[in-house]
Structures are given as structure tokens and as C-alpha cells.
Amino acid sequence: MKYNQLIVPPGKKVRLNQYDPAFSGNFGSKEEAEAKLAGDIRKLAGLQDVLYAQDTYAMLLIFQAMDAAGKDGVVKHIMSGVNPQGCQVYSFKTPSQEELDHDFLWRSMKALPERGRIGIFNRSYYEEVLIVRVHTEILEGQRFPEKEKRDKDLWKHRYEDINSLERYLTRNGIVILKFFLNVSKKEQKKRFLERIEEPGKNWKFSSGDIKERERWDDYMEAYENMLSATSTKWAPWYVIPADKKWFTRAAVADIVLSKLKSLRLQYPELSDAHRRELSQAKKLLERKP
């Protein structure tokens, strides 16, 4: 199926209440979606091999979401068939002292994928216009000029910096796909309760999750502002329904696969000299036991 309806149109103001977190597309059942996902994973593995061999493009997948939206599960499932040598995953936590001594994009730049690889950011520099915007006290610990901290256009400037960075990256062959996993407040509550009630999931739960949940409306406003300001032609946002995990995984895999196909990847073309070298090597191998 096509997922154009999930793209945030550049320049358009986003209202998340217009996106249904329980949407399941054209799939008739969970089993149908899982079968599609399995097929796409096999195709992804093949294309990733060509991406690695061609060594021209890199792909960066960015995932943002509220807690319990299923980011880890999406990464685990869609990359399950990919060669680990061609994939790298970074989960960005609270900035270290070294990271605070640099600009807010520095630590992400260090983690960008090399050509031929798929990089995954589980959370990203977008936290700087999400959690930092909801908890503005975090700005006090960020070591940049006081004048900038108080600037009424601070968030606008950060959006501009992010857009400029992403344009620069795409011009240099890094293909960016950005996914906001849109889970409903009701479904988040259900998943939190599962984490509390099931011993095998207890480790996933933190009391801080409840405190953040109390700021739900503030986060939704921050996400709406961020999506509206940073969905661009070169790096659009996809708002992926996340109440049904099987749909979330199938949709993301399909979008990634479609983007890789659009690159028209090819194995490197061999030079005549290289072909002669291969021919000679074959003859030597065939002569000797």
C-alpha cells in the first residue's frame, strides 16, 4: 500500500488529533501484515547488501515517540534480516558532560552512518525541541550564551538549524527517513500496566514514565510544533499509527524498502582490468588442487 497519507506535508500545520493511532491501512488482519513484513525483511536484506557494496549512499532512520510506542520493537523486527556489519543503532540518552560542552547537534554528527550503511537513531537531536521544550529547566544546564537561552526565537532557530543540517546531509548522499510513532494515551496506559504486571517486562518501567505521562498535552503540542516546522521535501516526517504494533512494523519496513528501491542501487561495475584479474585467478584455482 501507499503511505503518502502518513507524510506531514512541508509547511503545513500539524494537528495530531487528525491522525488515527489505530489506523491499520489495507491490511485485513494481523497475519496479513506479518506476512508482508516477513517478505519485506527478506527484500531489505538484499538491498542492504547492494547499498553496502555500492558505497555511495547511506540511510538514516530517525525514530521519535512517547514512551511505550514501540520504537525498540520496530527496530528489532525490520532490521532482523540485515547484515550487522551494514547497520548501526544509537540510542541517545541524557547528554554527558563532554556533549554539553559542544553544540546540541554535535553528538548526533559523530553517530552518522558511513556510506553503504543504515544508521538508526532511537531518539535523536529532536529531543532538543521536545523534552527540552517541555522541561525548559534543562536549558539551564546547557552551556551556551545566556542571551540565546532567553531568546524568544530559540525554538525557531533550532528548527532552522535542524533543517539546514538535514539538507546538508541529503546533499551528501545520506537519505533521511523520519518516523513519529503515534501511540494513543489509552494504548500507552495499557502498555504501562503490562510492564508493571508482567515480571518479564518490569525492567522496562520507570516511575519517571508516569511523571512524563502527566505532561501528555504539553508533549503533543511540542510534537505538533516540531513536525510542522521540520517536515521538509528533503526529509519529511511520517506519522505512523502505533496502537497496533503489527501495522507499525509493516508500515515502517515498507517505507524503508520503497526508499531503497527508489535509489536504483547497483553492485559496482568492474573495470576491464579487474575482470582480467578475476579470469586469471579462476584459471589458477582450476589448475591447482
Foldseek 3Di string as FASTA:
>chain_A
DDQPVQWDPAQDQDDCVVPALPDQPPDPDLVSLVVLLVVLLVLVQVLLVLQQQVLQAEEEEEEDEAPPLQPVVLCCRSCVNHDPVQEEEDEDDPDDPVCLVDDLQVVVVVQDDGGSHYYYYHHHSLCCLFVCVLVVVVVVSRPDDPVLSPDPCNNVVVLVVVQVVLVVRVVRRYQYEYEYRDEDLVLVVVSQVCLVPPPVNVVSDDPVSVVVSVCVVVRSVSVSVSQRSNADPRYIYGYANRSDPSSSNSVVSVVVSVVSVVVVGDRDDDDPVVVVVVVVVVVVVVVDD
